[in-house]
């Protein structure tokens, strides 16, 4: 599995979340397996999303897709996202 972390500012979290939810079909078709959404404690419009993907190649293709750009614009993303790709190397509980 591959992981992708995206951080960006949005104009209005509630409106952004509706747009995010509406884009589930294009994300799933691109290879997304799961997601987790976080907000900065002092700025709910600063969003961090962690996605699990079926492959690193599919995650990278999705980030470059016009469908993602269109969905982000409609949802109210207000700045260029910061995207990082991750590979899990360890896991545990404490």
Protein backbone atom coordinates (compact mmCIF):
# COMPACT_ATOMS: atom_id res chain seq x y z
CA UNK A 1 0.00 0.00 0.00
CA UNK A 2 1.00 3.57 -0.60
CA UNK A 3 -0.02 6.65 1.33
CA UNK A 4 -0.47 10.26 0.36
CA UNK A 5 -0.69 13.27 2.67
CA UNK A 6 -2.22 16.50 1.41
CA UNK A 7 -2.31 19.76 3.33
CA UNK A 8 -4.07 22.86 2.11
CA UNK A 9 -6.18 25.80 3.16
CA UNK A 10 -9.85 25.90 2.25
CA UNK A 11 -12.25 28.83 2.17
CA UNK A 12 -14.86 27.12 4.34
CA UNK A 13 -14.37 23.65 5.85
CA UNK A 14 -18.05 22.69 5.80
CA UNK A 15 -18.42 23.56 2.11
CA UNK A 16 -15.10 21.88 1.32
CA UNK A 17 -16.20 18.67 3.08
CA UNK A 18 -19.35 18.47 0.94
CA UNK A 19 -17.21 18.77 -2.19
CA UNK A 20 -14.75 16.22 -0.82
CA UNK A 21 -17.55 13.75 -0.12
CA UNK A 22 -19.03 14.33 -3.59
CA UNK A 23 -15.70 13.36 -5.17
CA UNK A 24 -15.60 9.90 -3.60
CA UNK A 25 -16.32 8.13 -6.89
CA UNK A 26 -13.38 9.69 -8.72
CA UNK A 27 -11.09 9.03 -5.75
CA UNK A 28 -12.19 5.41 -5.49
CA UNK A 29 -11.83 4.89 -9.25
CA UNK A 30 -8.30 6.29 -8.99
CA UNK A 31 -7.31 3.70 -6.41
CA UNK A 32 -8.05 5.30 -3.04
CA UNK A 33 -8.70 2.72 -0.32
CA UNK A 34 -9.29 4.92 2.74
CA UNK A 35 -8.87 8.43 4.09
CA UNK A 36 -8.54 10.38 7.33
CA UNK A 37 -9.18 14.12 7.59
CA UNK A 38 -7.60 16.39 10.19
CA UNK A 39 -7.83 20.11 10.94
CA UNK A 40 -5.33 22.30 12.71
CA UNK A 41 -6.57 22.95 16.24
CA UNK A 42 -6.49 26.72 15.82
CA UNK A 43 -7.62 26.91 12.17
CA UNK A 44 -10.35 24.54 11.00
CA UNK A 45 -9.83 25.73 7.40
CA UNK A 46 -6.26 24.33 7.40
CA UNK A 47 -6.87 20.73 6.38
CA UNK A 48 -4.60 17.70 6.38
CA UNK A 49 -5.80 14.53 4.66
CA UNK A 50 -4.11 11.14 4.76
CA UNK A 51 -5.09 8.68 2.05
CA UNK A 52 -4.30 5.00 1.55
CA UNK A 53 -3.93 4.01 -2.13
CA UNK A 54 -3.71 0.70 -3.92
CA UNK A 55 -0.39 1.77 -5.49
CA UNK A 56 2.04 4.66 -5.51
CA UNK A 57 1.65 5.00 -9.29
CA UNK A 58 -2.12 5.45 -8.98
CA UNK A 59 -1.74 8.01 -6.18
CA UNK A 60 0.69 10.03 -8.30
CA UNK A 61 -1.57 9.82 -11.36
CA UNK A 62 -4.51 11.02 -9.31
CA UNK A 63 -2.65 14.05 -7.96
CA UNK A 64 -1.88 15.11 -11.53
CA UNK A 65 -5.40 14.47 -12.82
CA UNK A 66 -7.65 17.24 -14.12
CA UNK A 67 -10.53 15.64 -12.19
CA UNK A 68 -8.77 16.34 -8.90
CA UNK A 69 -7.98 19.93 -9.85
CA UNK A 70 -11.59 20.52 -10.84
CA UNK A 71 -12.95 18.92 -7.65
CA UNK A 72 -10.57 20.98 -5.48
CA UNK A 73 -11.56 24.19 -7.21
CA UNK A 74 -15.27 23.46 -6.78
CA UNK A 75 -14.77 22.55 -3.11
CA UNK A 76 -13.06 25.85 -2.32
CA UNK A 77 -9.39 24.96 -1.92
CA UNK A 78 -7.78 28.36 -1.54
CA UNK A 79 -4.10 27.58 -2.04
CA UNK A 80 -1.86 25.11 -3.85
CA UNK A 81 -1.84 21.87 -1.85
CA UNK A 82 1.31 20.44 -0.32
CA UNK A 83 1.44 16.77 -1.33
CA UNK A 84 3.73 14.07 0.07
CA UNK A 85 3.82 10.39 -0.78
CA UNK A 86 4.63 7.92 1.98
CA UNK A 87 5.55 4.29 2.22
CA UNK A 88 4.85 2.51 5.50
CA UNK A 89 8.00 1.02 7.00
CA UNK A 90 6.88 0.20 10.55
CA UNK A 91 3.75 -0.03 12.66
CA UNK A 92 3.05 -0.69 16.31
CA UNK A 93 1.07 0.13 19.39
CA UNK A 94 2.22 1.42 22.75
